[in-house]
Amino acid sequence: MITLYCAGNPPSFLQPEWVRDLRALWAAEECGVPYRIHWLDTSKGAQREAAYKAVNPFGAIPSMTDGAFTLFESGAIVTYLCDKTGKNIPKAGSEARAFYDQWCFAALNTVEPPIFQLMIATALNKDAAWAKERAGQLRENALGRLSTLDAVLAGRPFLLGDAFSGADVLMGHVLNFVVDPTLLDAAAHVKRYHDRLKDRPAYERALSAQAGGKNAAVAAQ
């Protein structure tokens, strides 16, 4: 049985759609894989305890176990679940799979950092002097990435073309960090892509499942 380790009691200043365990839940829902949730009481620092660090030595969330097998990093978990079920992912070793990998890395390493940095500055630290000083440059950096992505999505509904994949799970969640709606107004294809992803029933189920962790008691495991 797949167990997904998710954040219970996240800080109130975090929007539910920001938490990265949503990526793992969404992939599980898209792939139709049975899973259970192990809620980590983050308000009490459960993610820093030895029991959890045996699963994820960095103490970050999410993580996953599949029997005795453990895995962390949201991108790795998404790909593992797709591979395990043979859904939403091209065949290993193919050019299409390399294309899939490319977009997973692009979502997490190229698109996410400038968008996330802008969110940290303008949504969580808007009154700080450093945030006011850097906001303009951070917005320009984020807009540049979104503009490039917009040009890519002008010719296809999903990152790999006509077919939804795990790469879209990652990119779709990254776009949840866009807190300035004018950024998406300037990238119409990205906006429609993001809306299309959030309209998927599996995304709605994952968001509902993740919301169940708020104020949940952590069951004895």
N, C-alpha and C. Protein backbone atom coordinates (compact mmCIF):
# COMPACT_ATOMS: atom_id res chain seq x y z
N MET A 1 0.84 -1.19 0.00
CA MET A 1 0.00 0.00 0.00
C MET A 1 0.88 1.25 0.00
N ILE A 2 0.53 2.18 -0.85
CA ILE A 2 1.21 3.47 -0.89
C ILE A 2 0.79 4.31 0.31
N THR A 3 1.76 4.85 1.02
CA THR A 3 1.49 5.81 2.09
C THR A 3 2.12 7.14 1.70
N LEU A 4 1.31 8.19 1.71
CA LEU A 4 1.80 9.53 1.42
C LEU A 4 1.85 10.32 2.71
N TYR A 5 3.00 10.89 3.00
CA TYR A 5 3.19 11.69 4.20
C TYR A 5 2.88 13.14 3.85
N CYS A 6 1.86 13.67 4.52
CA CYS A 6 1.35 15.01 4.19
C CYS A 6 1.31 15.89 5.43
N ALA A 7 1.20 17.17 5.21
CA ALA A 7 1.24 18.14 6.30
C ALA A 7 -0.14 18.32 6.92
N GLY A 8 -0.23 17.99 8.19
CA GLY A 8 -1.40 18.35 8.97
C GLY A 8 -1.07 19.63 9.72
N ASN A 9 -2.08 20.47 9.95
CA ASN A 9 -1.88 21.71 10.69
C ASN A 9 -0.81 22.62 10.09
N PRO A 10 -0.82 22.88 8.78
CA PRO A 10 0.17 23.81 8.23
C PRO A 10 -0.10 25.21 8.75
N PRO A 11 0.89 26.10 8.74
CA PRO A 11 0.68 27.47 9.22
C PRO A 11 -0.48 28.14 8.50
N SER A 12 -1.22 28.94 9.21
CA SER A 12 -2.43 29.55 8.65
C SER A 12 -2.14 30.50 7.50
N PHE A 13 -0.90 31.02 7.43
CA PHE A 13 -0.58 31.96 6.36
C PHE A 13 -0.33 31.25 5.02
N LEU A 14 -0.25 29.92 5.04
CA LEU A 14 -0.06 29.17 3.80
C LEU A 14 -1.41 28.82 3.19
N GLN A 15 -1.59 29.15 1.93
CA GLN A 15 -2.81 28.76 1.24
C GLN A 15 -2.79 27.25 0.98
N PRO A 16 -3.93 26.59 1.06
CA PRO A 16 -3.95 25.14 0.85
C PRO A 16 -3.34 24.69 -0.47
N GLU A 17 -3.47 25.50 -1.51
CA GLU A 17 -2.96 25.09 -2.81
C GLU A 17 -1.45 25.28 -2.94
N TRP A 18 -0.81 25.81 -1.93
CA TRP A 18 0.64 25.99 -1.98
C TRP A 18 1.41 24.77 -1.51
N VAL A 19 0.84 23.98 -0.62
CA VAL A 19 1.61 22.90 0.00
C VAL A 19 1.97 21.85 -1.05
N ARG A 20 3.21 21.41 -1.00
CA ARG A 20 3.72 20.53 -2.05
C ARG A 20 3.21 19.10 -1.95
N ASP A 21 2.68 18.71 -0.80
CA ASP A 21 2.13 17.35 -0.75
C ASP A 21 0.92 17.20 -1.67
N LEU A 22 0.36 18.33 -2.10
CA LEU A 22 -0.74 18.28 -3.06
C LEU A 22 -0.30 17.63 -4.37
N ARG A 23 0.97 17.77 -4.71
CA ARG A 23 1.48 17.16 -5.94
C ARG A 23 1.37 15.63 -5.88
N ALA A 24 1.78 15.07 -4.76
CA ALA A 24 1.73 13.62 -4.61
C ALA A 24 0.28 13.12 -4.60
N LEU A 25 -0.57 13.82 -3.88
CA LEU A 25 -1.99 13.44 -3.83
C LEU A 25 -2.64 13.52 -5.20
N TRP A 26 -2.33 14.58 -5.93
CA TRP A 26 -2.89 14.76 -7.26
C TRP A 26 -2.45 13.64 -8.20
N ALA A 27 -1.16 13.31 -8.17
CA ALA A 27 -0.67 12.23 -9.02
C ALA A 27 -1.34 10.91 -8.67
N ALA A 28 -1.50 10.64 -7.38
CA ALA A 28 -2.15 9.40 -6.96
C ALA A 28 -3.59 9.35 -7.46
N GLU A 29 -4.28 10.47 -7.40
CA GLU A 29 -5.66 10.52 -7.86
C GLU A 29 -5.74 10.36 -9.38
N GLU A 30 -4.84 10.99 -10.10
CA GLU A 30 -4.84 10.88 -11.56
C GLU A 30 -4.54 9.44 -12.00
N CYS A 31 -3.68 8.77 -11.25
CA CYS A 31 -3.27 7.41 -11.62
C CYS A 31 -4.21 6.34 -11.07
N GLY A 32 -5.10 6.74 -10.16
CA GLY A 32 -6.03 5.78 -9.60
C GLY A 32 -5.36 4.75 -8.71
N VAL A 33 -4.27 5.12 -8.07
CA VAL A 33 -3.55 4.18 -7.21
C VAL A 33 -4.10 4.26 -5.79
N PRO A 34 -4.39 3.13 -5.16
CA PRO A 34 -4.84 3.17 -3.76
C PRO A 34 -3.74 3.74 -2.86
N TYR A 35 -4.11 4.58 -1.93
CA TYR A 35 -3.12 5.15 -1.03
C TYR A 35 -3.78 5.50 0.29
N ARG A 36 -2.94 5.66 1.30
CA ARG A 36 -3.37 6.17 2.59
C ARG A 36 -2.52 7.38 2.92
N ILE A 37 -3.04 8.23 3.79
CA ILE A 37 -2.31 9.44 4.18
C ILE A 37 -1.83 9.30 5.62
N HIS A 38 -0.57 9.57 5.82
CA HIS A 38 -0.01 9.69 7.17
C HIS A 38 0.14 11.18 7.44
N TRP A 39 -0.73 11.71 8.28
CA TRP A 39 -0.68 13.14 8.58
C TRP A 39 0.44 13.42 9.57
N LEU A 40 1.28 14.38 9.22
CA LEU A 40 2.34 14.83 10.11
C LEU A 40 1.87 16.11 10.80
N ASP A 41 1.86 16.09 12.11
CA ASP A 41 1.41 17.26 12.86
C ASP A 41 2.53 18.30 12.84
N THR A 42 2.53 19.11 11.79
CA THR A 42 3.60 20.08 11.61
C THR A 42 3.58 21.17 12.68
N SER A 43 2.45 21.38 13.32
CA SER A 43 2.40 22.37 14.39
C SER A 43 3.23 21.94 15.59
N LYS A 44 3.49 20.62 15.68
CA LYS A 44 4.30 20.08 16.78
C LYS A 44 5.67 19.61 16.29
N GLY A 45 5.97 19.93 15.04
CA GLY A 45 7.30 19.59 14.51
C GLY A 45 7.51 18.12 14.21
N ALA A 46 6.44 17.40 13.89
CA ALA A 46 6.57 15.96 13.62
C ALA A 46 7.51 15.68 12.45
N GLN A 47 7.62 16.63 11.54
CA GLN A 47 8.49 16.44 10.38
C GLN A 47 9.97 16.48 10.76
N ARG A 48 10.27 16.92 11.95
CA ARG A 48 11.67 16.98 12.40
C ARG A 48 12.04 15.82 13.33
N GLU A 49 11.09 14.95 13.61
CA GLU A 49 11.35 13.84 14.51
C GLU A 49 12.07 12.69 13.80
N ALA A 50 12.77 11.89 14.57
CA ALA A 50 13.59 10.81 14.00
C ALA A 50 12.77 9.83 13.18
N ALA A 51 11.56 9.55 13.61
CA ALA A 51 10.73 8.57 12.88
C ALA A 51 10.47 9.03 11.46
N TYR A 52 10.22 10.33 11.27
CA TYR A 52 9.97 10.81 9.91
C TYR A 52 11.28 10.98 9.15
N LYS A 53 12.34 11.38 9.84
CA LYS A 53 13.61 11.56 9.14
C LYS A 53 14.17 10.23 8.63
N ALA A 54 13.65 9.13 9.14
CA ALA A 54 14.02 7.83 8.58
C ALA A 54 13.42 7.65 7.19
N VAL A 55 12.35 8.39 6.91
CA VAL A 55 11.73 8.37 5.59
C VAL A 55 12.31 9.47 4.72
N ASN A 56 12.43 10.67 5.29
CA ASN A 56 12.99 11.81 4.56
C ASN A 56 14.02 12.49 5.46
N PRO A 57 15.31 12.26 5.21
CA PRO A 57 16.34 12.80 6.11
C PRO A 57 16.35 14.32 6.18
N PHE A 58 15.76 14.99 5.18
CA PHE A 58 15.71 16.45 5.19
C PHE A 58 14.54 16.99 6.02
N GLY A 59 13.62 16.10 6.39
CA GLY A 59 12.47 16.54 7.16
C GLY A 59 11.51 17.38 6.36
N ALA A 60 11.55 17.26 5.04
CA ALA A 60 10.65 18.01 4.17
C ALA A 60 9.43 17.17 3.82
N ILE A 61 8.39 17.82 3.33
CA ILE A 61 7.12 17.16 2.99
C ILE A 61 6.79 17.51 1.54
N PRO A 62 6.38 16.50 0.72
CA PRO A 62 5.91 15.16 1.07
C PRO A 62 7.02 14.12 1.01
N SER A 63 6.65 12.93 1.47
CA SER A 63 7.43 11.72 1.27
C SER A 63 6.44 10.59 1.01
N MET A 64 7.00 9.42 0.70
CA MET A 64 6.14 8.29 0.33
C MET A 64 6.80 7.00 0.75
N THR A 65 6.00 6.03 1.14
CA THR A 65 6.49 4.66 1.28
C THR A 65 5.59 3.75 0.45
N ASP A 66 6.22 2.70 -0.07
CA ASP A 66 5.49 1.65 -0.79
C ASP A 66 6.01 0.34 -0.22
N GLY A 67 5.34 -0.13 0.82
CA GLY A 67 5.90 -1.24 1.57
C GLY A 67 7.16 -0.77 2.30
N ALA A 68 8.26 -1.46 2.07
CA ALA A 68 9.52 -1.09 2.71
C ALA A 68 10.29 -0.02 1.93
N PHE A 69 9.81 0.28 0.74
CA PHE A 69 10.49 1.27 -0.11
C PHE A 69 10.11 2.68 0.30
N THR A 70 11.09 3.56 0.45
CA THR A 70 10.82 4.96 0.81
C THR A 70 11.31 5.89 -0.30
N LEU A 71 10.63 7.01 -0.42
CA LEU A 71 10.97 7.97 -1.47
C LEU A 71 10.57 9.36 -1.03
N PHE A 72 11.43 10.34 -1.30
CA PHE A 72 11.06 11.72 -1.05
C PHE A 72 11.35 12.55 -2.30
N GLU A 73 10.97 13.81 -2.25
CA GLU A 73 10.97 14.78 -3.35
C GLU A 73 9.70 14.58 -4.18
N SER A 74 8.93 15.67 -4.27
CA SER A 74 7.62 15.58 -4.93
C SER A 74 7.73 15.15 -6.38
N GLY A 75 8.74 15.64 -7.09
CA GLY A 75 8.89 15.25 -8.50
C GLY A 75 9.15 13.76 -8.65
N ALA A 76 9.99 13.22 -7.77
CA ALA A 76 10.28 11.78 -7.82
C ALA A 76 9.04 10.96 -7.49
N ILE A 77 8.26 11.43 -6.53
CA ILE A 77 7.04 10.71 -6.13
C ILE A 77 6.03 10.69 -7.27
N VAL A 78 5.84 11.83 -7.91
CA VAL A 78 4.89 11.90 -9.03
C VAL A 78 5.30 10.92 -10.12
N THR A 79 6.56 10.92 -10.49
CA THR A 79 7.02 10.02 -11.56
C THR A 79 6.92 8.56 -11.13
N TYR A 80 7.23 8.26 -9.88
CA TYR A 80 7.12 6.88 -9.39
C TYR A 80 5.68 6.38 -9.50
N LEU A 81 4.73 7.20 -9.08
CA LEU A 81 3.33 6.78 -9.12
C LEU A 81 2.85 6.57 -10.55
N CYS A 82 3.30 7.43 -11.45
CA CYS A 82 2.94 7.26 -12.86
C CYS A 82 3.56 6.00 -13.44
N ASP A 83 4.83 5.78 -13.11
CA ASP A 83 5.50 4.56 -13.58
C ASP A 83 4.86 3.30 -13.01
N LYS A 84 4.51 3.35 -11.73
CA LYS A 84 3.96 2.17 -11.07
C LYS A 84 2.66 1.73 -11.72
N THR A 85 1.87 2.69 -12.15
CA THR A 85 0.57 2.38 -12.75
C THR A 85 0.59 2.36 -14.27
N GLY A 86 1.68 2.85 -14.86
CA GLY A 86 1.75 2.93 -16.31
C GLY A 86 0.81 3.96 -16.89
N LYS A 87 0.50 4.98 -16.09
CA LYS A 87 -0.44 6.01 -16.53
C LYS A 87 0.24 7.38 -16.50
N ASN A 88 -0.13 8.21 -17.46
CA ASN A 88 0.28 9.62 -17.49
C ASN A 88 1.80 9.79 -17.61
N ILE A 89 2.44 8.85 -18.29
CA ILE A 89 3.89 8.92 -18.45
C ILE A 89 4.31 8.09 -19.65
N PRO A 90 5.25 8.58 -20.47
CA PRO A 90 5.74 7.78 -21.59
C PRO A 90 6.62 6.63 -21.14
N LYS A 91 6.87 5.73 -22.04
CA LYS A 91 7.68 4.55 -21.76
C LYS A 91 9.11 4.94 -21.41
N ALA A 92 9.66 4.31 -20.38
CA ALA A 92 11.04 4.57 -19.97
C ALA A 92 12.00 4.27 -21.12
N GLY A 93 12.99 5.13 -21.30
CA GLY A 93 13.99 4.93 -22.33
C GLY A 93 13.64 5.52 -23.68
N SER A 94 12.42 6.02 -23.82
CA SER A 94 12.00 6.59 -25.09
C SER A 94 12.33 8.08 -25.16
N GLU A 95 12.32 8.62 -26.36
CA GLU A 95 12.51 10.06 -26.51
C GLU A 95 11.37 10.82 -25.84
N ALA A 96 10.18 10.26 -25.91
CA ALA A 96 9.03 10.90 -25.27
C ALA A 96 9.24 10.98 -23.76
N ARG A 97 9.88 9.94 -23.18
CA ARG A 97 10.15 9.96 -21.75
C ARG A 97 11.19 11.04 -21.41
N ALA A 98 12.17 11.21 -22.24
CA ALA A 98 13.16 12.26 -22.04
C ALA A 98 12.48 13.63 -22.09
N PHE A 99 11.52 13.77 -22.99
CA PHE A 99 10.75 15.00 -23.11
C PHE A 99 9.94 15.24 -21.83
N TYR A 100 9.36 14.17 -21.30
CA TYR A 100 8.64 14.25 -20.03
C TYR A 100 9.57 14.71 -18.92
N ASP A 101 10.75 14.07 -18.82
CA ASP A 101 11.72 14.43 -17.79
C ASP A 101 12.12 15.90 -17.92
N GLN A 102 12.33 16.32 -19.15
CA GLN A 102 12.69 17.71 -19.39
C GLN A 102 11.70 18.67 -18.76
N TRP A 103 10.41 18.39 -18.93
CA TRP A 103 9.40 19.31 -18.43
C TRP A 103 9.21 19.20 -16.92
N CYS A 104 9.48 18.03 -16.37
CA CYS A 104 9.48 17.92 -14.91
C CYS A 104 10.57 18.79 -14.30
N PHE A 105 11.78 18.68 -14.87
CA PHE A 105 12.89 19.48 -14.36
C PHE A 105 12.65 20.97 -14.61
N ALA A 106 12.08 21.29 -15.76
CA ALA A 106 11.80 22.70 -16.06
C ALA A 106 10.81 23.28 -15.07
N ALA A 107 9.78 22.50 -14.73
CA ALA A 107 8.78 23.00 -13.78
C ALA A 107 9.42 23.33 -12.44
N LEU A 108 10.26 22.42 -11.94
CA LEU A 108 10.80 22.56 -10.59
C LEU A 108 12.05 23.42 -10.51
N ASN A 109 12.86 23.41 -11.58
CA ASN A 109 14.14 24.11 -11.52
C ASN A 109 14.20 25.41 -12.28
N THR A 110 13.32 25.58 -13.27
CA THR A 110 13.37 26.78 -14.10
C THR A 110 12.19 27.71 -13.84
N VAL A 111 11.00 27.16 -13.77
CA VAL A 111 9.81 27.99 -13.61
C VAL A 111 9.51 28.28 -12.14
N GLU A 112 9.62 27.27 -11.28
CA GLU A 112 9.24 27.49 -9.88
C GLU A 112 10.07 28.54 -9.14
N PRO A 113 11.41 28.53 -9.22
CA PRO A 113 12.17 29.47 -8.37
C PRO A 113 11.77 30.93 -8.50
N PRO A 114 11.68 31.52 -9.70
CA PRO A 114 11.31 32.94 -9.74
C PRO A 114 9.88 33.21 -9.29
N ILE A 115 8.96 32.28 -9.58
CA ILE A 115 7.58 32.47 -9.15
C ILE A 115 7.46 32.34 -7.64
N PHE A 116 8.15 31.36 -7.08
CA PHE A 116 8.11 31.15 -5.64
C PHE A 116 8.76 32.32 -4.90
N GLN A 117 9.89 32.81 -5.41
CA GLN A 117 10.55 33.94 -4.78
C GLN A 117 9.67 35.18 -4.77
N LEU A 118 8.95 35.39 -5.86
CA LEU A 118 8.03 36.53 -5.92
C LEU A 118 6.90 36.36 -4.91
N MET A 119 6.39 35.15 -4.78
CA MET A 119 5.34 34.89 -3.80
C MET A 119 5.84 35.15 -2.38
N ILE A 120 7.04 34.69 -2.07
CA ILE A 120 7.60 34.91 -0.74
C ILE A 120 7.72 36.41 -0.45
N ALA A 121 8.15 37.17 -1.45
CA ALA A 121 8.36 38.60 -1.25
C ALA A 121 7.05 39.37 -1.15
N THR A 122 6.12 39.10 -2.05
CA THR A 122 4.94 39.96 -2.15
C THR A 122 3.74 39.47 -1.34
N ALA A 123 3.69 38.17 -1.05
CA ALA A 123 2.55 37.65 -0.28
C ALA A 123 2.89 37.45 1.19
N LEU A 124 4.12 37.06 1.48
CA LEU A 124 4.47 36.73 2.85
C LEU A 124 5.35 37.78 3.54
N ASN A 125 6.01 38.63 2.74
CA ASN A 125 6.91 39.63 3.33
C ASN A 125 6.74 41.01 2.70
N LYS A 126 5.51 41.32 2.31
CA LYS A 126 5.28 42.54 1.52
C LYS A 126 5.69 43.82 2.23
N ASP A 127 5.73 43.83 3.55
CA ASP A 127 6.08 45.04 4.28
C ASP A 127 7.57 45.14 4.60
N ALA A 128 8.33 44.10 4.28
CA ALA A 128 9.76 44.11 4.56
C ALA A 128 10.49 44.99 3.56
N ALA A 129 11.51 45.67 4.02
CA ALA A 129 12.25 46.58 3.15
C ALA A 129 12.89 45.83 1.98
N TRP A 130 13.45 44.64 2.27
CA TRP A 130 14.09 43.89 1.19
C TRP A 130 13.10 43.47 0.12
N ALA A 131 11.87 43.13 0.55
CA ALA A 131 10.85 42.69 -0.40
C ALA A 131 10.42 43.84 -1.30
N LYS A 132 10.25 45.02 -0.71
CA LYS A 132 9.88 46.19 -1.50
C LYS A 132 10.98 46.54 -2.50
N GLU A 133 12.22 46.37 -2.07
CA GLU A 133 13.35 46.68 -2.95
C GLU A 133 13.45 45.71 -4.11
N ARG A 134 13.16 44.45 -3.86
CA ARG A 134 13.38 43.41 -4.87
C ARG A 134 12.14 43.04 -5.67
N ALA A 135 10.98 43.51 -5.26
CA ALA A 135 9.72 43.06 -5.88
C ALA A 135 9.70 43.29 -7.39
N GLY A 136 10.17 44.44 -7.84
CA GLY A 136 10.14 44.74 -9.27
C GLY A 136 10.97 43.77 -10.08
N GLN A 137 12.19 43.48 -9.63
CA GLN A 137 13.05 42.55 -10.35
C GLN A 137 12.51 41.13 -10.29
N LEU A 138 11.99 40.75 -9.12
CA LEU A 138 11.42 39.41 -9.00
C LEU A 138 10.23 39.23 -9.92
N ARG A 139 9.40 40.27 -10.04
CA ARG A 139 8.25 40.18 -10.93
C ARG A 139 8.70 40.06 -12.38
N GLU A 140 9.74 40.80 -12.75
CA GLU A 140 10.25 40.72 -14.11
C GLU A 140 10.79 39.32 -14.41
N ASN A 141 11.49 38.74 -13.44
CA ASN A 141 12.01 37.38 -13.62
C ASN A 141 10.88 36.37 -13.81
N ALA A 142 9.85 36.47 -12.97
CA ALA A 142 8.71 35.55 -13.07
C ALA A 142 7.99 35.72 -14.39
N LEU A 143 7.78 36.96 -14.79
CA LEU A 143 7.08 37.22 -16.05
C LEU A 143 7.85 36.66 -17.23
N GLY A 144 9.19 36.74 -17.17
CA GLY A 144 9.99 36.19 -18.26
C GLY A 144 9.79 34.69 -18.41
N ARG A 145 9.76 33.96 -17.30
CA ARG A 145 9.54 32.51 -17.37
C ARG A 145 8.14 32.20 -17.88
N LEU A 146 7.15 32.94 -17.39
CA LEU A 146 5.78 32.69 -17.81
C LEU A 146 5.57 33.03 -19.28
N SER A 147 6.26 34.03 -19.76
CA SER A 147 6.15 34.39 -21.18
C SER A 147 6.69 33.28 -22.07
N THR A 148 7.81 32.70 -21.66
CA THR A 148 8.36 31.58 -22.43
C THR A 148 7.42 30.39 -22.40
N LEU A 149 6.90 30.07 -21.23
CA LEU A 149 5.95 28.96 -21.11
C LEU A 149 4.70 29.24 -21.93
N ASP A 150 4.28 30.47 -21.96
CA ASP A 150 3.09 30.84 -22.74
C ASP A 150 3.29 30.54 -24.22
N ALA A 151 4.47 30.83 -24.73
CA ALA A 151 4.74 30.56 -26.14
C ALA A 151 4.71 29.05 -26.42
N VAL A 152 5.20 28.26 -25.48
CA VAL A 152 5.17 26.80 -25.64
C VAL A 152 3.74 26.29 -25.67
N LEU A 153 2.92 26.78 -24.76
CA LEU A 153 1.55 26.29 -24.63
C LEU A 153 0.61 26.86 -25.67
N ALA A 154 1.08 27.79 -26.46
CA ALA A 154 0.24 28.33 -27.53
C ALA A 154 -0.10 27.26 -28.55
N GLY A 155 0.76 26.25 -28.66
CA GLY A 155 0.55 25.24 -29.69
C GLY A 155 0.09 23.89 -29.19
N ARG A 156 -0.16 23.75 -27.89
CA ARG A 156 -0.60 22.46 -27.38
C ARG A 156 -1.31 22.62 -26.03
N PRO A 157 -2.24 21.72 -25.72
CA PRO A 157 -3.01 21.85 -24.48
C PRO A 157 -2.24 21.43 -23.23
N PHE A 158 -1.26 20.53 -23.39
CA PHE A 158 -0.47 20.06 -22.26
C PHE A 158 1.01 20.12 -22.63
N LEU A 159 1.87 19.93 -21.64
CA LEU A 159 3.30 20.08 -21.88
C LEU A 159 3.83 19.10 -22.92
N LEU A 160 3.29 17.87 -22.93
CA LEU A 160 3.77 16.87 -23.88
C LEU A 160 2.97 16.85 -25.17
N GLY A 161 1.99 17.70 -25.28
CA GLY A 161 1.15 17.73 -26.48
C GLY A 161 -0.31 17.57 -26.12
N ASP A 162 -0.96 16.58 -26.71
CA ASP A 162 -2.39 16.38 -26.46
C ASP A 162 -2.67 15.58 -25.19
N ALA A 163 -1.65 14.90 -24.66
CA ALA A 163 -1.87 14.00 -23.53
C ALA A 163 -1.40 14.63 -22.21
N PHE A 164 -2.26 14.58 -21.21
CA PHE A 164 -1.91 14.98 -19.85
C PHE A 164 -0.86 14.02 -19.30
N SER A 165 0.06 14.54 -18.47
CA SER A 165 1.09 13.69 -17.88
C SER A 165 1.45 14.18 -16.48
N GLY A 166 2.30 13.41 -15.82
CA GLY A 166 2.78 13.81 -14.51
C GLY A 166 3.51 15.14 -14.54
N ALA A 167 4.12 15.48 -15.66
CA ALA A 167 4.78 16.78 -15.78
C ALA A 167 3.79 17.92 -15.60
N ASP A 168 2.55 17.71 -16.02
CA ASP A 168 1.51 18.74 -15.85
C ASP A 168 1.10 18.86 -14.39
N VAL A 169 1.18 17.76 -13.64
CA VAL A 169 0.92 17.84 -12.20
C VAL A 169 1.91 18.81 -11.56
N LEU A 170 3.19 18.64 -11.90
CA LEU A 170 4.21 19.49 -11.31
C LEU A 170 4.09 20.93 -11.77
N MET A 171 3.94 21.15 -13.06
CA MET A 171 3.84 22.52 -13.55
C MET A 171 2.55 23.18 -13.06
N GLY A 172 1.47 22.42 -13.02
CA GLY A 172 0.20 22.98 -12.55
C GLY A 172 0.30 23.45 -11.12
N HIS A 173 0.98 22.66 -10.29
CA HIS A 173 1.13 23.08 -8.89
C HIS A 173 2.06 24.28 -8.77
N VAL A 174 3.12 24.30 -9.54
CA VAL A 174 4.02 25.46 -9.53
C VAL A 174 3.25 26.74 -9.83
N LEU A 175 2.32 26.66 -10.75
CA LEU A 175 1.53 27.85 -11.12
C LEU A 175 0.61 28.29 -9.99
N ASN A 176 0.37 27.42 -9.01
CA ASN A 176 -0.41 27.84 -7.84
C ASN A 176 0.32 28.92 -7.04
N PHE A 177 1.63 29.03 -7.23
CA PHE A 177 2.40 30.03 -6.50
C PHE A 177 2.27 31.43 -7.12
N VAL A 178 1.61 31.53 -8.25
CA VAL A 178 1.42 32.85 -8.87
C VAL A 178 0.35 33.59 -8.08
N VAL A 179 0.75 34.58 -7.31
CA VAL A 179 -0.19 35.31 -6.46
C VAL A 179 -0.62 36.64 -7.08
N ASP A 180 0.07 37.06 -8.12
CA ASP A 180 -0.29 38.29 -8.83
C ASP A 180 -1.05 37.92 -10.09
N PRO A 181 -2.38 38.09 -10.12
CA PRO A 181 -3.15 37.66 -11.28
C PRO A 181 -2.78 38.37 -12.58
N THR A 182 -2.16 39.53 -12.48
CA THR A 182 -1.78 40.24 -13.71
C THR A 182 -0.68 39.50 -14.46
N LEU A 183 0.07 38.66 -13.75
CA LEU A 183 1.09 37.86 -14.43
C LEU A 183 0.45 36.90 -15.41
N LEU A 184 -0.64 36.27 -15.00
CA LEU A 184 -1.34 35.33 -15.88
C LEU A 184 -2.17 36.07 -16.93
N ASP A 185 -2.60 37.26 -16.61
CA ASP A 185 -3.31 38.06 -17.62
C ASP A 185 -2.39 38.34 -18.80
N ALA A 186 -1.09 38.43 -18.52
CA ALA A 186 -0.11 38.69 -19.58
C ALA A 186 0.34 37.40 -20.26
N ALA A 187 -0.15 36.26 -19.79
CA ALA A 187 0.22 34.95 -20.36
C ALA A 187 -1.06 34.14 -20.51
N ALA A 188 -1.86 34.50 -21.50
CA ALA A 188 -3.21 33.94 -21.64
C ALA A 188 -3.21 32.43 -21.82
N HIS A 189 -2.25 31.90 -22.56
CA HIS A 189 -2.20 30.45 -22.78
C HIS A 189 -1.88 29.72 -21.48
N VAL A 190 -1.00 30.30 -20.66
CA VAL A 190 -0.68 29.70 -19.37
C VAL A 190 -1.89 29.74 -18.45
N LYS A 191 -2.60 30.85 -18.48
CA LYS A 191 -3.80 30.98 -17.64
C LYS A 191 -4.83 29.91 -18.00
N ARG A 192 -5.09 29.73 -19.29
CA ARG A 192 -6.07 28.73 -19.71
C ARG A 192 -5.59 27.33 -19.36
N TYR A 193 -4.29 27.10 -19.51
CA TYR A 193 -3.70 25.81 -19.14
C TYR A 193 -3.89 25.54 -17.65
N HIS A 194 -3.60 26.53 -16.82
CA HIS A 194 -3.73 26.36 -15.38
C HIS A 194 -5.19 26.12 -15.00
N ASP A 195 -6.08 26.88 -15.58
CA ASP A 195 -7.51 26.69 -15.30
C ASP A 195 -7.96 25.29 -15.72
N ARG A 196 -7.47 24.82 -16.85
CA ARG A 196 -7.81 23.50 -17.36
C ARG A 196 -7.37 22.41 -16.39
N LEU A 197 -6.18 22.58 -15.83
CA LEU A 197 -5.66 21.60 -14.88
C LEU A 197 -6.47 21.59 -13.59
N LYS A 198 -6.79 22.77 -13.09
CA LYS A 198 -7.51 22.85 -11.82
C LYS A 198 -8.96 22.41 -11.95
N ASP A 199 -9.45 22.31 -13.16
CA ASP A 199 -10.81 21.82 -13.39
C ASP A 199 -10.87 20.29 -13.43
N ARG A 200 -9.72 19.65 -13.42
CA ARG A 200 -9.70 18.19 -13.49
C ARG A 200 -10.25 17.60 -12.20
N PRO A 201 -11.13 16.61 -12.29
CA PRO A 201 -11.69 16.00 -11.08
C PRO A 201 -10.63 15.47 -10.12
N ALA A 202 -9.54 14.93 -10.66
CA ALA A 202 -8.49 14.39 -9.78
C ALA A 202 -7.84 15.50 -8.96
N TYR A 203 -7.68 16.67 -9.56
CA TYR A 203 -7.12 17.79 -8.80
C TYR A 203 -8.07 18.19 -7.67
N GLU A 204 -9.34 18.25 -7.97
CA GLU A 204 -10.32 18.63 -6.95
C GLU A 204 -10.35 17.60 -5.82
N ARG A 205 -10.23 16.32 -6.16
CA ARG A 205 -10.20 15.28 -5.12
C ARG A 205 -8.94 15.41 -4.26
N ALA A 206 -7.81 15.69 -4.91
CA ALA A 206 -6.56 15.82 -4.18
C ALA A 206 -6.61 17.01 -3.23
N LEU A 207 -7.15 18.12 -3.70
CA LEU A 207 -7.24 19.32 -2.87
C LEU A 207 -8.15 19.06 -1.68
N SER A 208 -9.22 18.34 -1.90
CA SER A 208 -10.14 18.00 -0.82
C SER A 208 -9.46 17.08 0.19
N ALA A 209 -8.69 16.11 -0.31
CA ALA A 209 -7.99 15.18 0.58
C ALA A 209 -6.95 15.93 1.41
N GLN A 210 -6.22 16.83 0.78
CA GLN A 210 -5.18 17.57 1.50
C GLN A 210 -5.79 18.47 2.57
N ALA A 211 -6.93 19.05 2.26
CA ALA A 211 -7.59 19.93 3.24
C ALA A 211 -8.01 19.17 4.48
N GLY A 212 -8.16 17.85 4.37
CA GLY A 212 -8.56 17.05 5.51
C GLY A 212 -7.51 16.98 6.59
N GLY A 213 -6.30 17.40 6.29
CA GLY A 213 -5.25 17.34 7.30
C GLY A 213 -5.28 18.47 8.28
N LYS A 214 -5.95 19.55 7.95
CA LYS A 214 -5.95 20.71 8.84
C LYS A 214 -6.62 20.35 10.18
N ASN A 215 -5.87 20.55 11.22
CA ASN A 215 -6.33 20.27 12.59
C ASN A 215 -6.62 18.79 12.85
N ALA A 216 -6.13 17.92 11.94
CA ALA A 216 -6.36 16.49 12.14
C ALA A 216 -5.41 15.95 13.21
N ALA A 217 -5.91 15.08 14.02
CA ALA A 217 -5.06 14.41 15.01
C ALA A 217 -4.20 13.40 14.25
N VAL A 218 -2.97 13.29 14.63
CA VAL A 218 -2.08 12.35 13.96
C VAL A 218 -2.30 10.97 14.58
N ALA A 219 -2.77 10.05 13.76
CA ALA A 219 -3.07 8.71 14.25
C ALA A 219 -1.79 7.95 14.56
N ALA A 220 -1.86 7.06 15.50
CA ALA A 220 -0.70 6.21 15.79
C ALA A 220 -0.46 5.30 14.61
N GLN A 221 0.79 5.26 14.20
CA GLN A 221 1.13 4.48 12.99
C GLN A 221 1.81 3.18 13.39
